[in-house]
C-alpha cells in the first residue's frame, strides 16, 4: 500500500540517504529506516462523504470542504459531538433500549439544544470561528482535561428538517465560509475551535463538552423511562459498552484532531455521578424542557421497583421489600410529583433526583428500622436467628446478619478484584497520536512510529498479545445461589420473624429505637460535605453498609450518606406529625367525655 502511495518519489532521505518511504495515518511521508518525517504530504482523494445510518447525525457534503492545512476536510466541533452522540445512541440501542430513544427523543433533544444555544436552526447564530481564544490557556497541560418520547410540538419550535432530510450542520451551524475559516488563528483541525477554548464564552453560551454527551443521553433515557439508571450508564461506560474514553480513535479520516481540538475531545477518565447529574439539570434548564413523563408505580424507575432490584443485588431477604415500601409511603417518596423530573421544581433545583441513590437509601433506612445497626442490637438478632436455624434445620431459615455479612464481605472482595483485573486488562492509552502544538508535530509522529515499530518487533518475538477480556453487559454485579460461578448462597428466601413482634393484630418491629445523625440542613453555599467529620462517630456496620451500596452505584460513601439523611428527614418529619394529630384528637375526645360526666353528675345532684 505504501509503495503505491510513494510511487514516483525517489528523493533520498536527508538523514540516512535511504530511499524507503512510507505514509503515516495523517498522510505524511516518513523514512522506514530512520523514521525521519519530511514535509511532503500525499494528496487525499475523498470518495465518500462522512455519514451515518441515522438522520440525526448525517453530515452534509457542504460542510466537508478541503481543509486549508492540506490534511482532512473542514469540520466543526458540533459535528464531532454529533458523531459521538450517534455512537453512544447506537450502543444504548444494542443494550436493549427502545427504538424511540434515538430517532424520536435524542434527535429532538440535540436539535433543541442547538437551537437554544444559537448554534443552528435559528436566525441569530453565533459565529464560533470569530471568537478569540484564551491566550492564557496552555494546551500542553493536562489540567484542562475532564475528570472523572418528546413530541414534535414541544421540541420542534424552530425550523426542522423533513423526515427524510439531513441535518445540514455545515450550512446552518456556524456558516463555515472561507472568511470564517481563514479568520481563526488557532492551530486546529476544526474551523470553530476558538469558541470552545475561550472559558468565558464557553460558559456563557453553554457549549457542548464530553460529560454533557452522557448527560444528554441520560435525559433521553429519563424521557422514555428506561430501566438504565445513571449509575448503570456510567458503569457501561467504564466497561466500554458505551463509547466515551478515547472516542477520537473511531473518528473518520475526514475529522482530523490536532491542536486545540485534541484538548476538547481527549478524555482519559469518566466523570463522576454528581457531575453528570448536574450537567443534565443545566442542559434541561438551557433547553427549557417541559415536565418529563410521570414516574408511575409500574415504571422501572419507581423506588418500589428499583429497591426490589437492589435488594436482589445485595442478597437481602425478599420480605424486606414490604418494609421498604412502608418507609417509602411514610416519607412521601411514592408520589408522582416528587419522582417526576422537572428542572423548574424548587426542590429538584437544589437537589436533583437520583433514582438509584434514593432506592438504596430506602433500603438502608429500612434496615436501621429493623436491626438498628448500632454495632450491638443487630448481633443480638443474629444470634437469635442462628440458634433457631441450628435447632430447626428443616424449616425456612431466619435471616442472620452475621452470615450475610461474611458472605457479602467475601463477594465484595472478589468483585473488587475482578474490577481491578478488568481495569488492568484495558488499553488506557489512545491508539492515535494527538498533537497539541504545531512545533511538536514532527517529533510526536516520529515517536509514534518508533513505538509502533517496537510493538511489531516484540509481537513477532513473543507472539500475539491476548485480547482484553470483555464482559457481557449486565444490570447485576453479583450472582447468588448454587453453582460454580456464584458469589455465595442466596438469602432471598430467609425470614424476618426474629425482628418482628405481634402487637394487637399487627406485626411491628421488635426494635423500638431508631438512631440518626444530626438532620439539620446546612447552607449548601457556605458548608461542604461533613461526612469526613462524622464518619468516625458512626457505627461501623452502618459505614460498611454505605460502602457496599456505594460500590454498587460507583458513588462516594458521602453521597450515599447524604441521600440517607434526605430520606430520614422526610420519614421522621411525617412520622412525628401523625402521632401528634392522634394525641390531640384523643385529648379532645377525653375532654368532651369528662364534660358530659360533669353535667350528668350535676343534674343528678339537683
Foldseek 3Di string as FASTA:
>chain_A
DQCVQCPPPQQADPPPRHRAWGADLQQWIAHPPQRFTDPDGGQDDDDDADADPDQLLGEDPLQFDCDPVRTFGAHAPVSVLSVQLVQQVVLVVVVPDDPCLVRQFLSLLVVLLCVLLQQFLDPPHDALLQAAADPVDDLVDCPLADAANDDCVQRVPGDDDDPPHHDHSCCTGNVPDPVSQVNHDFPWRYRRLRQVRHVVSCVVSVDDALLLSLLSSQVSCLQVLDLQFLLNSQVCCVLVSGDRALNVLPDDSNHDGAASNCRRRHHQHHHASVVSLVSNLVSCVSSVHAWGPFDAPPRCLQLLNLLCVVCQQLLHAPVLSVLLVVLCVLLVVNDRVNPTDDSPDPVCVVPNDRSNLLSLLSSLQSCCQQQVLQVPSLQVLLVVQVVVCVVDVPDFGADHPVVSVVLVVQLVVVLVVVSVLLVVLDDSDHLDFYYHDPVCVSVRSSVSVVVVVVVVVVCVVPPDDDHRDRDDDDLHRAAEPDDDRHSYHHNHRHDHVSQWDDDDHDIHGPDPDHDDDDLDDDDPVVDDQCCVVCVVVGRPSSLVSLVVSCVSSVHDSSVSSVSSSVSVVSNVVSVVVVVVVVVVVVVVVVVVVVVVVVVVVVVVVD
